[in-house]
Amino acid sequence: VQLQASGGGLVQAGGSLRLSCAASGSIFSINVMGWYRQAPRKGRELVASISYGASTYYADSVKGRFTISRDNAKNTVYLQMINLEPEDTAVYYCSADMSTAGSFYREYWGQGTQVTVSS
């Protein structure tokens, strides 16, 4: 079972990026999926999360600029980011609370994708 994130890159302030994260393997069910980020010399913070039923949470710093969504048929979560700011520069990690052939629900992590916003 793994999570594969993609879509990071370098963008100018005010620009947009869309991150994707696909879960694969012997998955029975996925509950909450989310995106975290970690900037240099800072701790990892929750950016946004979404439940199976599409209830969402956003950190105050990204409300109105980021949109999280998911495709349950594809086991994929997305993060649409607009009006990016230099402060959004970080490594972005996806996470998913999954039950699999080997275990009951536990949290899995993707490998991280770099987002760099230049001023």
N, C-alpha and C. Protein backbone atom coordinates (compact mmCIF):
# COMPACT_ATOMS: atom_id res chain seq x y z
N VAL A 1 0.87 -1.19 0.00
CA VAL A 1 0.00 0.00 0.00
C VAL A 1 0.90 1.23 0.00
N GLN A 2 0.59 2.16 -0.90
CA GLN A 2 1.39 3.37 -0.93
C GLN A 2 0.57 4.54 -1.42
N LEU A 3 1.09 5.74 -1.09
CA LEU A 3 0.52 6.99 -1.57
C LEU A 3 1.56 7.65 -2.46
N GLN A 4 1.16 8.04 -3.64
CA GLN A 4 2.06 8.67 -4.59
C GLN A 4 1.59 10.08 -4.88
N ALA A 5 2.38 11.07 -4.44
CA ALA A 5 2.03 12.47 -4.64
C ALA A 5 2.74 13.02 -5.86
N SER A 6 2.09 14.00 -6.50
CA SER A 6 2.67 14.65 -7.67
C SER A 6 2.08 16.04 -7.81
N GLY A 7 2.71 16.86 -8.66
CA GLY A 7 2.15 18.15 -9.00
C GLY A 7 2.86 19.35 -8.41
N GLY A 8 3.87 19.14 -7.59
CA GLY A 8 4.60 20.27 -7.05
C GLY A 8 5.46 20.94 -8.11
N GLY A 9 6.07 22.06 -7.73
CA GLY A 9 6.93 22.76 -8.67
C GLY A 9 7.23 24.16 -8.22
N LEU A 10 7.80 24.92 -9.15
CA LEU A 10 8.16 26.32 -8.89
C LEU A 10 7.16 27.22 -9.59
N VAL A 11 6.63 28.19 -8.86
CA VAL A 11 5.64 29.09 -9.41
C VAL A 11 5.85 30.47 -8.82
N GLN A 12 5.48 31.49 -9.56
CA GLN A 12 5.57 32.86 -9.05
C GLN A 12 4.41 33.16 -8.11
N ALA A 13 4.62 34.11 -7.22
CA ALA A 13 3.54 34.54 -6.33
C ALA A 13 2.32 34.94 -7.15
N GLY A 14 1.17 34.51 -6.67
CA GLY A 14 -0.07 34.75 -7.40
C GLY A 14 -0.44 33.63 -8.34
N GLY A 15 0.47 32.70 -8.56
CA GLY A 15 0.22 31.59 -9.46
C GLY A 15 -0.57 30.46 -8.82
N SER A 16 -0.72 29.39 -9.58
CA SER A 16 -1.53 28.25 -9.14
C SER A 16 -0.80 26.94 -9.36
N LEU A 17 -1.13 25.97 -8.54
CA LEU A 17 -0.65 24.61 -8.72
C LEU A 17 -1.74 23.65 -8.26
N ARG A 18 -1.72 22.45 -8.80
CA ARG A 18 -2.64 21.41 -8.37
C ARG A 18 -1.85 20.17 -7.99
N LEU A 19 -2.00 19.76 -6.74
CA LEU A 19 -1.34 18.57 -6.26
C LEU A 19 -2.31 17.39 -6.35
N SER A 20 -1.76 16.22 -6.62
CA SER A 20 -2.54 14.99 -6.65
C SER A 20 -1.86 13.95 -5.79
N CYS A 21 -2.63 13.05 -5.23
CA CYS A 21 -2.07 11.96 -4.44
C CYS A 21 -2.97 10.75 -4.60
N ALA A 22 -2.40 9.69 -5.15
CA ALA A 22 -3.17 8.48 -5.41
C ALA A 22 -2.72 7.36 -4.48
N ALA A 23 -3.69 6.69 -3.89
CA ALA A 23 -3.42 5.53 -3.05
C ALA A 23 -3.57 4.27 -3.88
N SER A 24 -2.67 3.31 -3.66
CA SER A 24 -2.72 2.07 -4.41
C SER A 24 -2.33 0.90 -3.51
N GLY A 25 -2.73 -0.29 -3.93
CA GLY A 25 -2.43 -1.50 -3.17
C GLY A 25 -3.71 -2.17 -2.71
N SER A 26 -3.58 -3.03 -1.73
CA SER A 26 -4.72 -3.81 -1.22
C SER A 26 -5.52 -2.99 -0.20
N ILE A 27 -6.26 -2.05 -0.71
CA ILE A 27 -7.01 -1.10 0.12
C ILE A 27 -8.45 -1.55 0.26
N PHE A 28 -8.92 -1.60 1.50
CA PHE A 28 -10.32 -1.93 1.74
C PHE A 28 -11.16 -0.65 1.77
N SER A 29 -10.67 0.36 2.50
CA SER A 29 -11.45 1.57 2.68
C SER A 29 -10.53 2.72 3.07
N ILE A 30 -10.92 3.93 2.62
CA ILE A 30 -10.17 5.13 2.98
C ILE A 30 -11.10 6.09 3.69
N ASN A 31 -10.70 6.51 4.87
CA ASN A 31 -11.53 7.45 5.63
C ASN A 31 -11.08 8.87 5.29
N VAL A 32 -10.38 9.51 6.18
CA VAL A 32 -9.95 10.88 5.93
C VAL A 32 -8.68 10.91 5.09
N MET A 33 -8.63 11.84 4.15
CA MET A 33 -7.42 12.11 3.38
C MET A 33 -7.04 13.56 3.61
N GLY A 34 -5.75 13.83 3.57
CA GLY A 34 -5.36 15.20 3.87
C GLY A 34 -4.03 15.58 3.27
N TRP A 35 -3.73 16.86 3.38
CA TRP A 35 -2.45 17.42 2.94
C TRP A 35 -1.83 18.16 4.12
N TYR A 36 -0.56 17.88 4.34
CA TYR A 36 0.25 18.58 5.33
C TYR A 36 1.38 19.27 4.58
N ARG A 37 2.03 20.21 5.26
CA ARG A 37 3.21 20.80 4.68
C ARG A 37 4.24 21.09 5.76
N GLN A 38 5.48 21.11 5.34
CA GLN A 38 6.57 21.42 6.26
C GLN A 38 7.53 22.37 5.57
N ALA A 39 7.61 23.57 6.10
CA ALA A 39 8.54 24.57 5.59
C ALA A 39 9.88 24.40 6.30
N PRO A 40 10.94 24.94 5.72
CA PRO A 40 12.25 24.84 6.35
C PRO A 40 12.24 25.39 7.78
N ARG A 41 12.79 24.63 8.69
CA ARG A 41 12.93 25.03 10.09
C ARG A 41 11.59 25.19 10.81
N LYS A 42 10.55 24.55 10.25
CA LYS A 42 9.25 24.58 10.90
C LYS A 42 8.69 23.18 11.03
N GLY A 43 7.72 23.02 11.89
CA GLY A 43 7.07 21.73 12.07
C GLY A 43 6.08 21.46 10.97
N ARG A 44 5.64 20.22 10.90
CA ARG A 44 4.65 19.85 9.90
C ARG A 44 3.28 20.35 10.36
N GLU A 45 2.54 20.96 9.43
CA GLU A 45 1.21 21.49 9.77
C GLU A 45 0.17 20.93 8.82
N LEU A 46 -1.03 20.74 9.34
CA LEU A 46 -2.15 20.30 8.53
C LEU A 46 -2.66 21.47 7.70
N VAL A 47 -2.73 21.28 6.42
CA VAL A 47 -3.22 22.31 5.50
C VAL A 47 -4.71 22.15 5.24
N ALA A 48 -5.10 20.93 4.90
CA ALA A 48 -6.51 20.67 4.58
C ALA A 48 -6.76 19.18 4.69
N SER A 49 -8.01 18.84 4.98
CA SER A 49 -8.39 17.43 5.02
C SER A 49 -9.81 17.28 4.51
N ILE A 50 -10.14 16.04 4.12
CA ILE A 50 -11.46 15.78 3.58
C ILE A 50 -11.88 14.38 3.97
N SER A 51 -13.10 14.25 4.43
CA SER A 51 -13.60 12.94 4.83
C SER A 51 -14.14 12.19 3.61
N TYR A 52 -14.49 10.91 3.82
CA TYR A 52 -15.06 10.14 2.72
C TYR A 52 -16.31 10.81 2.18
N GLY A 53 -17.08 11.42 3.07
CA GLY A 53 -18.31 12.09 2.68
C GLY A 53 -18.12 13.53 2.24
N ALA A 54 -16.86 13.96 2.09
CA ALA A 54 -16.51 15.28 1.53
C ALA A 54 -16.64 16.43 2.52
N SER A 55 -16.67 16.15 3.81
CA SER A 55 -16.55 17.23 4.78
C SER A 55 -15.10 17.69 4.80
N THR A 56 -14.91 19.00 4.80
CA THR A 56 -13.56 19.54 4.66
C THR A 56 -13.13 20.39 5.85
N TYR A 57 -11.82 20.48 6.00
CA TYR A 57 -11.19 21.36 6.98
C TYR A 57 -10.06 22.09 6.28
N TYR A 58 -9.87 23.36 6.61
CA TYR A 58 -8.76 24.14 6.07
C TYR A 58 -8.07 24.90 7.19
N ALA A 59 -6.77 25.00 7.11
CA ALA A 59 -6.05 25.89 7.99
C ALA A 59 -6.42 27.33 7.65
N ASP A 60 -6.43 28.18 8.65
CA ASP A 60 -6.82 29.58 8.42
C ASP A 60 -5.97 30.24 7.34
N SER A 61 -4.71 29.87 7.29
CA SER A 61 -3.78 30.52 6.36
C SER A 61 -4.07 30.22 4.89
N VAL A 62 -4.87 29.20 4.62
CA VAL A 62 -5.13 28.83 3.22
C VAL A 62 -6.59 28.97 2.83
N LYS A 63 -7.45 29.31 3.77
CA LYS A 63 -8.87 29.42 3.46
C LYS A 63 -9.09 30.44 2.34
N GLY A 64 -9.93 30.07 1.40
CA GLY A 64 -10.22 30.94 0.28
C GLY A 64 -9.23 30.84 -0.86
N ARG A 65 -8.10 30.16 -0.65
CA ARG A 65 -7.10 30.02 -1.70
C ARG A 65 -6.88 28.56 -2.11
N PHE A 66 -7.03 27.64 -1.17
CA PHE A 66 -6.82 26.22 -1.45
C PHE A 66 -8.16 25.50 -1.42
N THR A 67 -8.29 24.50 -2.27
CA THR A 67 -9.48 23.66 -2.29
C THR A 67 -9.06 22.20 -2.33
N ILE A 68 -9.54 21.44 -1.37
CA ILE A 68 -9.26 20.00 -1.34
C ILE A 68 -10.45 19.25 -1.89
N SER A 69 -10.18 18.20 -2.64
CA SER A 69 -11.25 17.37 -3.18
C SER A 69 -10.72 15.95 -3.30
N ARG A 70 -11.61 15.01 -3.56
CA ARG A 70 -11.19 13.62 -3.70
C ARG A 70 -12.08 12.90 -4.68
N ASP A 71 -11.51 11.87 -5.28
CA ASP A 71 -12.24 10.98 -6.16
C ASP A 71 -12.18 9.60 -5.51
N ASN A 72 -13.26 9.20 -4.88
CA ASN A 72 -13.24 7.94 -4.14
C ASN A 72 -13.07 6.73 -5.06
N ALA A 73 -13.55 6.83 -6.27
CA ALA A 73 -13.41 5.72 -7.22
C ALA A 73 -11.95 5.51 -7.61
N LYS A 74 -11.17 6.59 -7.56
CA LYS A 74 -9.75 6.51 -7.94
C LYS A 74 -8.82 6.52 -6.73
N ASN A 75 -9.38 6.55 -5.53
CA ASN A 75 -8.56 6.62 -4.30
C ASN A 75 -7.56 7.77 -4.37
N THR A 76 -8.01 8.90 -4.84
CA THR A 76 -7.13 10.04 -5.09
C THR A 76 -7.65 11.29 -4.40
N VAL A 77 -6.72 12.05 -3.85
CA VAL A 77 -7.05 13.34 -3.25
C VAL A 77 -6.28 14.43 -3.99
N TYR A 78 -6.91 15.59 -4.11
CA TYR A 78 -6.32 16.71 -4.85
C TYR A 78 -6.25 17.93 -3.94
N LEU A 79 -5.32 18.82 -4.26
CA LEU A 79 -5.26 20.10 -3.59
C LEU A 79 -5.03 21.17 -4.66
N GLN A 80 -6.06 21.93 -4.93
CA GLN A 80 -5.96 23.04 -5.87
C GLN A 80 -5.54 24.28 -5.10
N MET A 81 -4.44 24.87 -5.52
CA MET A 81 -3.89 26.03 -4.82
C MET A 81 -3.85 27.21 -5.77
N ILE A 82 -4.47 28.32 -5.38
CA ILE A 82 -4.44 29.53 -6.19
C ILE A 82 -3.90 30.67 -5.34
N ASN A 83 -3.57 31.78 -6.01
CA ASN A 83 -3.03 32.95 -5.31
C ASN A 83 -1.92 32.55 -4.34
N LEU A 84 -1.00 31.76 -4.83
CA LEU A 84 0.07 31.26 -3.98
C LEU A 84 0.96 32.40 -3.50
N GLU A 85 1.45 32.23 -2.28
CA GLU A 85 2.29 33.24 -1.63
C GLU A 85 3.64 32.59 -1.29
N PRO A 86 4.69 33.39 -1.18
CA PRO A 86 5.99 32.82 -0.80
C PRO A 86 5.92 32.01 0.50
N GLU A 87 5.02 32.39 1.40
CA GLU A 87 4.86 31.67 2.66
C GLU A 87 4.30 30.26 2.48
N ASP A 88 3.79 29.96 1.30
CA ASP A 88 3.29 28.61 1.01
C ASP A 88 4.42 27.66 0.61
N THR A 89 5.61 28.18 0.46
CA THR A 89 6.75 27.33 0.10
C THR A 89 7.00 26.28 1.18
N ALA A 90 7.00 25.03 0.76
CA ALA A 90 7.15 23.91 1.70
C ALA A 90 7.17 22.60 0.93
N VAL A 91 7.50 21.55 1.65
CA VAL A 91 7.27 20.21 1.11
C VAL A 91 5.86 19.80 1.54
N TYR A 92 5.06 19.39 0.59
CA TYR A 92 3.68 19.02 0.85
C TYR A 92 3.57 17.49 0.87
N TYR A 93 2.93 16.99 1.92
CA TYR A 93 2.76 15.56 2.10
C TYR A 93 1.27 15.23 2.11
N CYS A 94 0.90 14.15 1.44
CA CYS A 94 -0.47 13.69 1.55
C CYS A 94 -0.53 12.57 2.60
N SER A 95 -1.68 12.44 3.17
CA SER A 95 -1.90 11.37 4.15
C SER A 95 -3.28 10.77 3.93
N ALA A 96 -3.43 9.54 4.35
CA ALA A 96 -4.72 8.88 4.23
C ALA A 96 -4.88 7.89 5.37
N ASP A 97 -6.06 7.88 5.94
CA ASP A 97 -6.42 6.94 7.00
C ASP A 97 -7.09 5.75 6.31
N MET A 98 -6.38 4.63 6.22
CA MET A 98 -6.83 3.53 5.38
C MET A 98 -6.88 2.21 6.13
N SER A 99 -7.83 1.39 5.76
CA SER A 99 -7.82 -0.01 6.19
C SER A 99 -7.39 -0.84 4.98
N THR A 100 -6.55 -1.81 5.23
CA THR A 100 -5.97 -2.60 4.14
C THR A 100 -6.06 -4.08 4.45
N ALA A 101 -5.53 -4.86 3.54
CA ALA A 101 -5.52 -6.30 3.73
C ALA A 101 -4.68 -6.69 4.95
N GLY A 102 -3.73 -5.82 5.33
CA GLY A 102 -2.83 -6.15 6.42
C GLY A 102 -3.17 -5.55 7.76
N SER A 103 -4.06 -4.53 7.79
CA SER A 103 -4.31 -3.86 9.06
C SER A 103 -5.63 -3.13 9.07
N PHE A 104 -6.09 -2.81 10.28
CA PHE A 104 -7.26 -1.97 10.42
C PHE A 104 -6.82 -0.55 10.09
N TYR A 105 -7.66 0.42 10.33
CA TYR A 105 -7.34 1.80 9.94
C TYR A 105 -6.07 2.28 10.62
N ARG A 106 -5.19 2.82 9.79
CA ARG A 106 -4.04 3.55 10.29
C ARG A 106 -3.64 4.57 9.25
N GLU A 107 -2.80 5.53 9.65
CA GLU A 107 -2.43 6.62 8.75
C GLU A 107 -1.22 6.23 7.90
N TYR A 108 -1.36 6.51 6.61
CA TYR A 108 -0.27 6.32 5.65
C TYR A 108 0.15 7.68 5.12
N TRP A 109 1.42 7.78 4.70
CA TRP A 109 1.98 9.03 4.21
C TRP A 109 2.58 8.86 2.82
N GLY A 110 2.42 9.92 2.02
CA GLY A 110 3.10 9.96 0.73
C GLY A 110 4.52 10.46 0.90
N GLN A 111 5.24 10.53 -0.21
CA GLN A 111 6.67 10.82 -0.15
C GLN A 111 6.98 12.31 -0.10
N GLY A 112 6.02 13.17 -0.29
CA GLY A 112 6.27 14.60 -0.28
C GLY A 112 6.56 15.15 -1.66
N THR A 113 6.05 16.34 -1.91
CA THR A 113 6.33 17.03 -3.18
C THR A 113 6.63 18.50 -2.85
N GLN A 114 7.68 19.02 -3.47
CA GLN A 114 8.14 20.37 -3.16
C GLN A 114 7.30 21.41 -3.90
N VAL A 115 6.85 22.41 -3.16
CA VAL A 115 6.20 23.58 -3.74
C VAL A 115 7.04 24.80 -3.37
N THR A 116 7.47 25.53 -4.38
CA THR A 116 8.28 26.71 -4.17
C THR A 116 7.61 27.90 -4.85
N VAL A 117 7.34 28.94 -4.08
CA VAL A 117 6.69 30.13 -4.60
C VAL A 117 7.68 31.29 -4.52
N SER A 118 8.01 31.83 -5.67
CA SER A 118 8.96 32.93 -5.71
C SER A 118 8.23 34.27 -5.66
N SER A 119 8.87 35.25 -5.05
CA SER A 119 8.24 36.58 -4.91
C SER A 119 8.59 37.48 -6.07
